[in-house]
Each structure stands twice: as C-alpha cells, then as structure tokens.
C-alpha cells in the first residue's frame, strides 16, 4: 500500500513542527551552551595537539543530537498512538472514488 501524498505532507509538516519545537526547548539550553563552548575551544590555537578538545565537542554534539532524536522518536510514538486510537474510535469510510464520505450531505456550490 502506497502512502497518499497528502498524508506524507501532513507527516512532514508535523515532523518539521516538532523538530523546531525541540530545537528551541529550554531543557536543551545547557546542553547547547556546553556544545558551543567546546566547539569554540576547538579552534583556539588550532594545532594537532588539541584533538582532546575536538573529541569533547564531538561528544557534546552527539549527546545533544541523541536527546533531540529520542524526543522526536517519543513524540512520533505518541502521535502514532493518538492517530491509531482516533482511527479506531472514528473510522472513516473509504471507497475507490473519494477519500472521505461525510455522514451528512452538503449542498453543492
């Protein structure tokens, strides 16, 4: 079964919204500040002996990304569960000609 384009668009919109919300989440402020500081230290007196600073920055960067990915995953699970419950509670009648048949007849314009 192929996913309809409107559903892909809806899912992408939700992912964009949730990603933006997480990117600006106050709990990540400390993690972002640590990552930024480690990255700035990385370029002070750039020489090969400063590799421990790069590793420190990289660790903090990956930690921040893992937090965001975990939150995205959990939000996706919540959204999927909510969608499943809604669809099971209020199934929409589908046929080959239309995506949705309203229960009441609307006058045509």
PDB file of N, CA and C in Angstrom:
ATOM      1  N   UNK A   1       0.844  -1.180   0.000  1.00  0.00           N
ATOM      2  CA  UNK A   1       0.000   0.000   0.000  1.00  0.00           C
ATOM      3  C   UNK A   1       0.885   1.236   0.000  1.00  0.00           C
ATOM      4  N   UNK A   2       0.647   2.113  -0.921  1.00  0.00           N
ATOM      5  CA  UNK A   2       1.427   3.345  -1.010  1.00  0.00           C
ATOM      6  C   UNK A   2       0.800   4.429  -0.142  1.00  0.00           C
ATOM      7  N   UNK A   3       1.649   5.216   0.492  1.00  0.00           N
ATOM      8  CA  UNK A   3       1.172   6.313   1.342  1.00  0.00           C
ATOM      9  C   UNK A   3       0.714   7.460   0.450  1.00  0.00           C
ATOM     10  N   UNK A   4      -0.505   7.962   0.673  1.00  0.00           N
ATOM     11  CA  UNK A   4      -1.000   9.071  -0.151  1.00  0.00           C
ATOM     12  C   UNK A   4      -0.150  10.336   0.039  1.00  0.00           C
ATOM     13  N   UNK A   5       0.017  11.146  -1.019  1.00  0.00           N
ATOM     14  CA  UNK A   5       0.825  12.368  -0.920  1.00  0.00           C
ATOM     15  C   UNK A   5       0.351  13.320   0.175  1.00  0.00           C
ATOM     16  N   UNK A   6      -0.961  13.457   0.373  1.00  0.00           N
ATOM     17  CA  UNK A   6      -1.466  14.365   1.405  1.00  0.00           C
ATOM     18  C   UNK A   6      -1.034  13.908   2.791  1.00  0.00           C
ATOM     19  N   UNK A   7      -0.951  12.572   2.983  1.00  0.00           N
ATOM     20  CA  UNK A   7      -0.538  12.045   4.284  1.00  0.00           C
ATOM     21  C   UNK A   7       0.953  12.283   4.502  1.00  0.00           C
ATOM     22  N   UNK A   8       1.755  12.090   3.447  1.00  0.00           N
ATOM     23  CA  UNK A   8       3.191  12.379   3.540  1.00  0.00           C
ATOM     24  C   UNK A   8       3.422  13.843   3.894  1.00  0.00           C
ATOM     25  N   UNK A   9       2.661  14.729   3.250  1.00  0.00           N
ATOM     26  CA  UNK A   9       2.783  16.163   3.516  1.00  0.00           C
ATOM     27  C   UNK A   9       2.407  16.468   4.962  1.00  0.00           C
ATOM     28  N   UNK A  10       1.353  15.846   5.443  1.00  0.00           N
ATOM     29  CA  UNK A  10       0.918  16.059   6.828  1.00  0.00           C
ATOM     30  C   UNK A  10       1.980  15.562   7.814  1.00  0.00           C
ATOM     31  N   UNK A  11       2.535  14.394   7.564  1.00  0.00           N
ATOM     32  CA  UNK A  11       3.572  13.837   8.440  1.00  0.00           C
ATOM     33  C   UNK A  11       4.817  14.714   8.411  1.00  0.00           C
ATOM     34  N   UNK A  12       5.233  15.173   7.223  1.00  0.00           N
ATOM     35  CA  UNK A  12       6.414  16.035   7.123  1.00  0.00           C
ATOM     36  C   UNK A  12       6.182  17.359   7.852  1.00  0.00           C
ATOM     37  N   UNK A  13       4.994  17.918   7.722  1.00  0.00           N
ATOM     38  CA  UNK A  13       4.664  19.149   8.438  1.00  0.00           C
ATOM     39  C   UNK A  13       4.740  18.957   9.938  1.00  0.00           C
ATOM     40  N   UNK A  14       4.213  17.839  10.416  1.00  0.00           N
ATOM     41  CA  UNK A  14       4.266  17.546  11.853  1.00  0.00           C
ATOM     42  C   UNK A  14       5.709  17.367  12.312  1.00  0.00           C
ATOM     43  N   UNK A  15       6.513  16.657  11.542  1.00  0.00           N
ATOM     44  CA  UNK A  15       7.919  16.453  11.887  1.00  0.00           C
ATOM     45  C   UNK A  15       8.665  17.782  11.931  1.00  0.00           C
ATOM     46  N   UNK A  16       8.415  18.651  10.960  1.00  0.00           N
ATOM     47  CA  UNK A  16       9.051  19.971  10.946  1.00  0.00           C
ATOM     48  C   UNK A  16       8.661  20.777  12.179  1.00  0.00           C
ATOM     49  N   UNK A  17       7.370  20.747  12.522  1.00  0.00           N
ATOM     50  CA  UNK A  17       6.888  21.491  13.684  1.00  0.00           C
ATOM     51  C   UNK A  17       7.521  20.971  14.979  1.00  0.00           C
ATOM     52  N   UNK A  18       7.499  19.658  15.158  1.00  0.00           N
ATOM     53  CA  UNK A  18       8.039  19.061  16.379  1.00  0.00           C
ATOM     54  C   UNK A  18       9.551  19.274  16.460  1.00  0.00           C
ATOM     55  N   UNK A  19      10.246  19.144  15.333  1.00  0.00           N
ATOM     56  CA  UNK A  19      11.698  19.369  15.317  1.00  0.00           C
ATOM     57  C   UNK A  19      12.030  20.803  15.732  1.00  0.00           C
ATOM     58  N   UNK A  20      11.296  21.764  15.204  1.00  0.00           N
ATOM     59  CA  UNK A  20      11.530  23.171  15.553  1.00  0.00           C
ATOM     60  C   UNK A  20      11.249  23.401  17.032  1.00  0.00           C
ATOM     61  N   UNK A  21      10.182  22.798  17.531  1.00  0.00           N
ATOM     62  CA  UNK A  21       9.846  22.949  18.948  1.00  0.00           C
ATOM     63  C   UNK A  21      10.948  22.365  19.838  1.00  0.00           C
ATOM     64  N   UNK A  22      11.474  21.212  19.476  1.00  0.00           N
ATOM     65  CA  UNK A  22      12.541  20.599  20.264  1.00  0.00           C
ATOM     66  C   UNK A  22      13.841  21.390  20.161  1.00  0.00           C
ATOM     67  N   UNK A  23      14.113  21.921  18.989  1.00  0.00           N
ATOM     68  CA  UNK A  23      15.353  22.682  18.794  1.00  0.00           C
ATOM     69  C   UNK A  23      15.387  23.907  19.698  1.00  0.00           C
ATOM     70  N   UNK A  24      14.224  24.440  20.063  1.00  0.00           N
ATOM     71  CA  UNK A  24      14.149  25.625  20.915  1.00  0.00           C
ATOM     72  C   UNK A  24      13.699  25.297  22.340  1.00  0.00           C
ATOM     73  N   UNK A  25      13.753  24.039  22.698  1.00  0.00           N
ATOM     74  CA  UNK A  25      13.309  23.590  24.020  1.00  0.00           C
ATOM     75  C   UNK A  25      14.265  24.106  25.097  1.00  0.00           C
ATOM     76  N   UNK A  26      13.748  24.662  26.189  1.00  0.00           N
ATOM     77  CA  UNK A  26      14.610  25.226  27.229  1.00  0.00           C
ATOM     78  C   UNK A  26      15.529  24.212  27.904  1.00  0.00           C
ATOM     79  N   UNK A  27      15.119  22.943  27.970  1.00  0.00           N
ATOM     80  CA  UNK A  27      15.984  21.935  28.596  1.00  0.00           C
ATOM     81  C   UNK A  27      17.271  21.706  27.813  1.00  0.00           C
ATOM     82  N   UNK A  28      17.258  22.031  26.523  1.00  0.00           N
ATOM     83  CA  UNK A  28      18.463  21.852  25.714  1.00  0.00           C
ATOM     84  C   UNK A  28      19.405  23.051  25.802  1.00  0.00           C
ATOM     85  N   UNK A  29      18.988  24.112  26.479  1.00  0.00           N
ATOM     86  CA  UNK A  29      19.803  25.327  26.560  1.00  0.00           C
ATOM     87  C   UNK A  29      21.182  25.029  27.145  1.00  0.00           C
ATOM     88  N   UNK A  30      21.228  24.306  28.261  1.00  0.00           N
ATOM     89  CA  UNK A  30      22.500  23.966  28.907  1.00  0.00           C
ATOM     90  C   UNK A  30      23.357  23.081  27.993  1.00  0.00           C
ATOM     91  N   UNK A  31      22.724  22.099  27.388  1.00  0.00           N
ATOM     92  CA  UNK A  31      23.446  21.172  26.509  1.00  0.00           C
ATOM     93  C   UNK A  31      24.012  21.923  25.308  1.00  0.00           C
ATOM     94  N   UNK A  32      23.212  22.836  24.725  1.00  0.00           N
ATOM     95  CA  UNK A  32      23.687  23.636  23.589  1.00  0.00           C
ATOM     96  C   UNK A  32      24.857  24.536  23.995  1.00  0.00           C
ATOM     97  N   UNK A  33      24.761  25.146  25.193  1.00  0.00           N
ATOM     98  CA  UNK A  33      25.833  26.034  25.666  1.00  0.00           C
ATOM     99  C   UNK A  33      27.133  25.260  25.849  1.00  0.00           C
ATOM    100  N   UNK A  34      27.061  24.060  26.406  1.00  0.00           N
ATOM    101  CA  UNK A  34      28.258  23.231  26.568  1.00  0.00           C
ATOM    102  C   UNK A  34      28.851  22.854  25.213  1.00  0.00           C
ATOM    103  N   UNK A  35      27.996  22.498  24.283  1.00  0.00           N
ATOM    104  CA  UNK A  35      28.470  22.134  22.948  1.00  0.00           C
ATOM    105  C   UNK A  35      29.140  23.331  22.277  1.00  0.00           C
ATOM    106  N   UNK A  36      28.512  24.503  22.357  1.00  0.00           N
ATOM    107  CA  UNK A  36      29.055  25.703  21.727  1.00  0.00           C
ATOM    108  C   UNK A  36      30.414  26.068  22.320  1.00  0.00           C
ATOM    109  N   UNK A  37      30.520  26.008  23.645  1.00  0.00           N
ATOM    110  CA  UNK A  37      31.789  26.325  24.311  1.00  0.00           C
ATOM    111  C   UNK A  37      32.892  25.352  23.874  1.00  0.00           C
ATOM    112  N   UNK A  38      32.576  24.073  23.838  1.00  0.00           N
ATOM    113  CA  UNK A  38      33.556  23.067  23.420  1.00  0.00           C
ATOM    114  C   UNK A  38      33.975  23.289  21.973  1.00  0.00           C
ATOM    115  N   UNK A  39      33.033  23.693  21.111  1.00  0.00           N
ATOM    116  CA  UNK A  39      33.352  23.932  19.705  1.00  0.00           C
ATOM    117  C   UNK A  39      34.260  25.153  19.560  1.00  0.00           C
ATOM    118  N   UNK A  40      33.995  26.223  20.336  1.00  0.00           N
ATOM    119  CA  UNK A  40      34.831  27.423  20.277  1.00  0.00           C
ATOM    120  C   UNK A  40      36.244  27.136  20.756  1.00  0.00           C
ATOM    121  N   UNK A  41      36.376  26.358  21.813  1.00  0.00           N
ATOM    122  CA  UNK A  41      37.698  25.991  22.336  1.00  0.00           C
ATOM    123  C   UNK A  41      38.479  25.192  21.299  1.00  0.00           C
ATOM    124  N   UNK A  42      37.766  24.441  20.505  1.00  0.00           N
ATOM    125  CA  UNK A  42      38.383  23.616  19.473  1.00  0.00           C
ATOM    126  C   UNK A  42      39.258  24.434  18.534  1.00  0.00           C
ATOM    127  N   UNK A  43      38.837  25.644  18.179  1.00  0.00           N
ATOM    128  CA  UNK A  43      39.554  26.432  17.179  1.00  0.00           C
ATOM    129  C   UNK A  43      40.546  27.431  17.763  1.00  0.00           C
ATOM    130  N   UNK A  44      40.662  27.515  19.082  1.00  0.00           N
ATOM    131  CA  UNK A  44      41.649  28.400  19.696  1.00  0.00           C
ATOM    132  C   UNK A  44      43.012  27.720  19.565  1.00  0.00           C
ATOM    133  N   UNK A  45      43.976  28.415  18.923  1.00  0.00           N
ATOM    134  CA  UNK A  45      45.323  27.854  18.755  1.00  0.00           C
ATOM    135  C   UNK A  45      45.301  26.525  18.043  1.00  0.00           C
ATOM    136  N   UNK A  46      44.656  26.467  16.920  1.00  0.00           N
ATOM    137  CA  UNK A  46      44.457  25.224  16.173  1.00  0.00           C
ATOM    138  C   UNK A  46      45.780  24.515  15.897  1.00  0.00           C
ATOM    139  N   UNK A  47      45.995  23.406  16.559  1.00  0.00           N
ATOM    140  CA  UNK A  47      47.137  22.542  16.277  1.00  0.00           C
ATOM    141  C   UNK A  47      46.743  21.091  16.552  1.00  0.00           C
ATOM    142  N   UNK A  48      47.552  20.194  16.100  1.00  0.00           N
ATOM    143  CA  UNK A  48      47.219  18.773  16.166  1.00  0.00           C
ATOM    144  C   UNK A  48      47.109  18.268  17.607  1.00  0.00           C
ATOM    145  N   UNK A  49      47.762  18.948  18.528  1.00  0.00           N
ATOM    146  CA  UNK A  49      47.710  18.545  19.933  1.00  0.00           C
ATOM    147  C   UNK A  49      46.393  18.856  20.604  1.00  0.00           C
ATOM    148  N   UNK A  50      45.478  19.497  19.918  1.00  0.00           N
ATOM    149  CA  UNK A  50      44.203  19.896  20.514  1.00  0.00           C
ATOM    150  C   UNK A  50      43.076  18.905  20.193  1.00  0.00           C
ATOM    151  N   UNK A  51      43.435  17.735  19.801  1.00  0.00           N
ATOM    152  CA  UNK A  51      42.414  16.746  19.470  1.00  0.00           C
ATOM    153  C   UNK A  51      41.506  16.384  20.645  1.00  0.00           C
ATOM    154  N   UNK A  52      41.981  16.410  21.901  1.00  0.00           N
ATOM    155  CA  UNK A  52      41.036  16.132  23.004  1.00  0.00           C
ATOM    156  C   UNK A  52      39.867  17.130  23.035  1.00  0.00           C
ATOM    157  N   UNK A  53      40.114  18.393  22.654  1.00  0.00           N
ATOM    158  CA  UNK A  53      39.036  19.376  22.618  1.00  0.00           C
ATOM    159  C   UNK A  53      38.018  19.033  21.527  1.00  0.00           C
ATOM    160  N   UNK A  54      38.529  18.554  20.383  1.00  0.00           N
ATOM    161  CA  UNK A  54      37.616  18.148  19.324  1.00  0.00           C
ATOM    162  C   UNK A  54      36.754  16.988  19.801  1.00  0.00           C
ATOM    163  N   UNK A  55      37.367  16.043  20.479  1.00  0.00           N
ATOM    164  CA  UNK A  55      36.607  14.901  20.988  1.00  0.00           C
ATOM    165  C   UNK A  55      35.572  15.344  22.012  1.00  0.00           C
ATOM    166  N   UNK A  56      35.912  16.323  22.851  1.00  0.00           N
ATOM    167  CA  UNK A  56      34.953  16.830  23.840  1.00  0.00           C
ATOM    168  C   UNK A  56      33.776  17.495  23.136  1.00  0.00           C
ATOM    169  N   UNK A  57      34.071  18.311  22.124  1.00  0.00           N
ATOM    170  CA  UNK A  57      32.992  18.949  21.373  1.00  0.00           C
ATOM    171  C   UNK A  57      32.129  17.897  20.678  1.00  0.00           C
ATOM    172  N   UNK A  58      32.769  16.943  20.040  1.00  0.00           N
ATOM    173  CA  UNK A  58      32.050  15.909  19.306  1.00  0.00           C
ATOM    174  C   UNK A  58      31.134  15.113  20.241  1.00  0.00           C
ATOM    175  N   UNK A  59      31.641  14.790  21.432  1.00  0.00           N
ATOM    176  CA  UNK A  59      30.817  14.067  22.403  1.00  0.00           C
ATOM    177  C   UNK A  59      29.585  14.871  22.784  1.00  0.00           C
ATOM    178  N   UNK A  60      29.777  16.161  23.050  1.00  0.00           N
ATOM    179  CA  UNK A  60      28.641  17.004  23.439  1.00  0.00           C
ATOM    180  C   UNK A  60      27.658  17.187  22.277  1.00  0.00           C
ATOM    181  N   UNK A  61      28.210  17.320  21.074  1.00  0.00           N
ATOM    182  CA  UNK A  61      27.363  17.469  19.893  1.00  0.00           C
ATOM    183  C   UNK A  61      26.502  16.216  19.689  1.00  0.00           C
ATOM    184  N   UNK A  62      27.115  15.047  19.775  1.00  0.00           N
ATOM    185  CA  UNK A  62      26.368  13.802  19.600  1.00  0.00           C
ATOM    186  C   UNK A  62      25.358  13.593  20.724  1.00  0.00           C
ATOM    187  N   UNK A  63      25.713  14.015  21.929  1.00  0.00           N
ATOM    188  CA  UNK A  63      24.786  13.910  23.053  1.00  0.00           C
ATOM    189  C   UNK A  63      23.553  14.761  22.800  1.00  0.00           C
ATOM    190  N   UNK A  64      23.755  15.997  22.349  1.00  0.00           N
ATOM    191  CA  UNK A  64      22.631  16.889  22.042  1.00  0.00           C
ATOM    192  C   UNK A  64      21.759  16.273  20.949  1.00  0.00           C
ATOM    193  N   UNK A  65      22.379  15.775  19.896  1.00  0.00           N
ATOM    194  CA  UNK A  65      21.618  15.176  18.799  1.00  0.00           C
ATOM    195  C   UNK A  65      20.851  13.944  19.278  1.00  0.00           C
ATOM    196  N   UNK A  66      21.454  13.159  20.167  1.00  0.00           N
ATOM    197  CA  UNK A  66      20.751  11.967  20.652  1.00  0.00           C
ATOM    198  C   UNK A  66      19.532  12.340  21.483  1.00  0.00           C
ATOM    199  N   UNK A  67      19.622  13.432  22.252  1.00  0.00           N
ATOM    200  CA  UNK A  67      18.461  13.899  23.014  1.00  0.00           C
ATOM    201  C   UNK A  67      17.342  14.301  22.057  1.00  0.00           C
ATOM    202  N   UNK A  68      17.687  15.083  21.043  1.00  0.00           N
ATOM    203  CA  UNK A  68      16.675  15.511  20.069  1.00  0.00           C
ATOM    204  C   UNK A  68      16.073  14.313  19.358  1.00  0.00           C
ATOM    205  N   UNK A  69      16.890  13.359  18.939  1.00  0.00           N
ATOM    206  CA  UNK A  69      16.375  12.170  18.247  1.00  0.00           C
ATOM    207  C   UNK A  69      15.467  11.340  19.151  1.00  0.00           C
ATOM    208  N   UNK A  70      15.819  11.226  20.428  1.00  0.00           N
ATOM    209  CA  UNK A  70      14.988  10.483  21.361  1.00  0.00           C
ATOM    210  C   UNK A  70      13.639  11.171  21.528  1.00  0.00           C
ATOM    211  N   UNK A  71      13.646  12.484  21.669  1.00  0.00           N
ATOM    212  CA  UNK A  71      12.392  13.222  21.808  1.00  0.00           C
ATOM    213  C   UNK A  71      11.537  13.092  20.550  1.00  0.00           C
ATOM    214  N   UNK A  72      12.177  13.162  19.376  1.00  0.00           N
ATOM    215  CA  UNK A  72      11.425  13.006  18.128  1.00  0.00           C
ATOM    216  C   UNK A  72      10.791  11.619  18.049  1.00  0.00           C
ATOM    217  N   UNK A  73      11.546  10.611  18.440  1.00  0.00           N
ATOM    218  CA  UNK A  73      11.030   9.248  18.420  1.00  0.00           C
ATOM    219  C   UNK A  73       9.827   9.113  19.360  1.00  0.00           C
ATOM    220  N   UNK A  74       9.980   9.609  20.582  1.00  0.00           N
ATOM    221  CA  UNK A  74       8.886   9.508  21.548  1.00  0.00           C
ATOM    222  C   UNK A  74       7.661  10.291  21.088  1.00  0.00           C
ATOM    223  N   UNK A  75       7.860  11.474  20.509  1.00  0.00           N
ATOM    224  CA  UNK A  75       6.736  12.251  20.006  1.00  0.00           C
ATOM    225  C   UNK A  75       6.062  11.516  18.850  1.00  0.00           C
ATOM    226  N   UNK A  76       6.861  10.890  17.992  1.00  0.00           N
ATOM    227  CA  UNK A  76       6.299  10.097  16.896  1.00  0.00           C
ATOM    228  C   UNK A  76       5.468   8.936  17.410  1.00  0.00           C
ATOM    229  N   UNK A  77       5.941   8.298  18.476  1.00  0.00           N
ATOM    230  CA  UNK A  77       5.176   7.209  19.071  1.00  0.00           C
ATOM    231  C   UNK A  77       3.856   7.738  19.639  1.00  0.00           C
ATOM    232  N   UNK A  78       3.911   8.870  20.331  1.00  0.00           N
ATOM    233  CA  UNK A  78       2.688   9.458  20.885  1.00  0.00           C
ATOM    234  C   UNK A  78       1.719   9.833  19.768  1.00  0.00           C
ATOM    235  N   UNK A  79       2.237  10.480  18.722  1.00  0.00           N
ATOM    236  CA  UNK A  79       1.384  10.874  17.605  1.00  0.00           C
ATOM    237  C   UNK A  79       0.776   9.647  16.927  1.00  0.00           C
ATOM    238  N   UNK A  80       1.588   8.614  16.730  1.00  0.00           N
ATOM    239  CA  UNK A  80       1.089   7.391  16.096  1.00  0.00           C
ATOM    240  C   UNK A  80       0.018   6.719  16.932  1.00  0.00           C
ATOM    241  N   UNK A  81       0.232   6.682  18.229  1.00  0.00           N
ATOM    242  CA  UNK A  81      -0.764   6.090  19.123  1.00  0.00           C
ATOM    243  C   UNK A  81      -2.057   6.893  19.088  1.00  0.00           C
ATOM    244  N   UNK A  82      -1.923   8.206  19.141  1.00  0.00           N
ATOM    245  CA  UNK A  82      -3.107   9.072  19.099  1.00  0.00           C
ATOM    246  C   UNK A  82      -3.862   8.887  17.782  1.00  0.00           C
ATOM    247  N   UNK A  83      -3.136   8.796  16.677  1.00  0.00           N
ATOM    248  CA  UNK A  83      -3.763   8.584  15.373  1.00  0.00           C
ATOM    249  C   UNK A  83      -4.477   7.236  15.333  1.00  0.00           C
ATOM    250  N   UNK A  84      -3.824   6.186  15.847  1.00  0.00           N
ATOM    251  CA  UNK A  84      -4.438   4.858  15.848  1.00  0.00           C
ATOM    252  C   UNK A  84      -5.713   4.841  16.684  1.00  0.00           C
ATOM    253  N   UNK A  85      -5.669   5.451  17.859  1.00  0.00           N
ATOM    254  CA  UNK A  85      -6.854   5.494  18.719  1.00  0.00           C
ATOM    255  C   UNK A  85      -7.980   6.248  18.025  1.00  0.00           C
ATOM    256  N   UNK A  86      -7.643   7.370  17.410  1.00  0.00           N
ATOM    257  CA  UNK A  86      -8.661   8.174  16.730  1.00  0.00           C
ATOM    258  C   UNK A  86      -9.271   7.399  15.559  1.00  0.00           C
ATOM    259  N   UNK A  87      -8.445   6.731  14.783  1.00  0.00           N
ATOM    260  CA  UNK A  87      -8.960   5.974  13.640  1.00  0.00           C
ATOM    261  C   UNK A  87      -9.799   4.777  14.081  1.00  0.00           C
ATOM    262  N   UNK A  88      -9.420   4.142  15.181  1.00  0.00           N
ATOM    263  CA  UNK A  88     -10.199   3.018  15.675  1.00  0.00           C
ATOM    264  C   UNK A  88     -11.507   3.485  16.308  1.00  0.00           C
ATOM    265  N   UNK A  89     -11.515   4.681  16.880  1.00  0.00           N
ATOM    266  CA  UNK A  89     -12.720   5.222  17.514  1.00  0.00           C
ATOM    267  C   UNK A  89     -13.697   5.769  16.490  1.00  0.00           C
ATOM    268  N   UNK A  90     -13.174   6.388  15.455  1.00  0.00           N
ATOM    269  CA  UNK A  90     -13.997   7.049  14.444  1.00  0.00           C
ATOM    270  C   UNK A  90     -13.526   6.659  13.049  1.00  0.00           C
ATOM    271  N   UNK A  91     -13.766   5.425  12.641  1.00  0.00           N
ATOM    272  CA  UNK A  91     -13.272   5.013  11.317  1.00  0.00           C
ATOM    273  C   UNK A  91     -13.929   5.829  10.206  1.00  0.00           C
ATOM    274  N   UNK A  92     -13.125   6.200   9.240  1.00  0.00           N
ATOM    275  CA  UNK A  92     -13.617   6.950   8.090  1.00  0.00           C
ATOM    276  C   UNK A  92     -13.970   5.970   6.981  1.00  0.00           C
ATOM    277  N   UNK A  93     -15.139   6.102   6.387  1.00  0.00           N
ATOM    278  CA  UNK A  93     -15.490   5.215   5.272  1.00  0.00           C
ATOM    279  C   UNK A  93     -14.728   5.632   4.002  1.00  0.00           C
ATOM    280  N   UNK A  94     -14.057   4.702   3.405  1.00  0.00           N
ATOM    281  CA  UNK A  94     -13.309   4.957   2.174  1.00  0.00           C
ATOM    282  C   UNK A  94     -13.924   4.159   1.035  1.00  0.00           C
ATOM    283  N   UNK A  95     -13.799   4.705  -0.156  1.00  0.00           N
ATOM    284  CA  UNK A  95     -14.117   3.934  -1.346  1.00  0.00           C
ATOM    285  C   UNK A  95     -13.097   4.301  -2.424  1.00  0.00           C
ATOM    286  N   UNK A  96     -13.264   3.752  -3.590  1.00  0.00           N
ATOM    287  CA  UNK A  96     -12.289   3.975  -4.653  1.00  0.00           C
ATOM    288  C   UNK A  96     -12.347   5.377  -5.243  1.00  0.00           C
ATOM    289  N   UNK A  97     -13.484   6.066  -5.130  1.00  0.00           N
ATOM    290  CA  UNK A  97     -13.653   7.357  -5.784  1.00  0.00           C
ATOM    291  C   UNK A  97     -13.300   8.553  -4.901  1.00  0.00           C
ATOM    292  N   UNK A  98     -13.492   8.430  -3.608  1.00  0.00           N
ATOM    293  CA  UNK A  98     -13.243   9.570  -2.724  1.00  0.00           C
ATOM    294  C   UNK A  98     -12.444   9.136  -1.517  1.00  0.00           C
ATOM    295  N   UNK A  99     -11.755  10.088  -0.920  1.00  0.00           N
ATOM    296  CA  UNK A  99     -11.025   9.793   0.304  1.00  0.00           C
ATOM    297  C   UNK A  99     -11.965   9.729   1.497  1.00  0.00           C
ATOM    298  N   UNK A 100     -13.007  10.557   1.466  1.00  0.00           N
ATOM    299  CA  UNK A 100     -13.850  10.680   2.638  1.00  0.00           C
ATOM    300  C   UNK A 100     -15.276  10.961   2.210  1.00  0.00           C
ATOM    301  N   UNK A 101     -16.181  10.230   2.785  1.00  0.00           N
ATOM    302  CA  UNK A 101     -17.595  10.489   2.536  1.00  0.00           C
ATOM    303  C   UNK A 101     -18.184  11.066   3.819  1.00  0.00           C
ATOM    304  N   UNK A 102     -18.609  12.319   3.794  1.00  0.00           N
ATOM    305  CA  UNK A 102     -19.213  12.883   5.000  1.00  0.00           C
ATOM    306  C   UNK A 102     -20.524  12.180   5.324  1.00  0.00           C
ATOM    307  N   UNK A 103     -20.859  12.139   6.620  1.00  0.00           N
ATOM    308  CA  UNK A 103     -22.088  11.479   7.045  1.00  0.00           C
ATOM    309  C   UNK A 103     -23.314  12.264   6.605  1.00  0.00           C
ATOM    310  N   UNK A 104     -23.199  13.570   6.545  1.00  0.00           N
ATOM    311  CA  UNK A 104     -24.331  14.385   6.106  1.00  0.00           C
ATOM    312  C   UNK A 104     -24.042  14.908   4.710  1.00  0.00           C
ATOM    313  N   UNK A 105     -25.087  15.117   3.965  1.00  0.00           N
ATOM    314  CA  UNK A 105     -24.925  15.624   2.610  1.00  0.00           C
ATOM    315  C   UNK A 105     -24.847  17.127   2.620  1.00  0.00           C
ATOM    316  N   UNK A 106     -23.779  17.664   2.094  1.00  0.00           N
ATOM    317  CA  UNK A 106     -23.597  19.112   1.971  1.00  0.00           C
ATOM    318  C   UNK A 106     -24.130  19.543   0.612  1.00  0.00           C
ATOM    319  N   UNK A 107     -24.788  20.676   0.545  1.00  0.00           N
ATOM    320  CA  UNK A 107     -25.263  21.153  -0.764  1.00  0.00           C
ATOM    321  C   UNK A 107     -24.068  21.517  -1.631  1.00  0.00           C
ATOM    322  N   UNK A 108     -24.171  21.178  -2.907  1.00  0.00           N
ATOM    323  CA  UNK A 108     -23.087  21.510  -3.829  1.00  0.00           C
ATOM    324  C   UNK A 108     -23.172  22.958  -4.222  1.00  0.00           C
ATOM    325  N   UNK A 109     -22.028  23.593  -4.382  1.00  0.00           N
ATOM    326  CA  UNK A 109     -21.991  25.021  -4.729  1.00  0.00           C
ATOM    327  C   UNK A 109     -22.131  25.214  -6.210  1.00  0.00           C
TER     328      UNK A 109
END
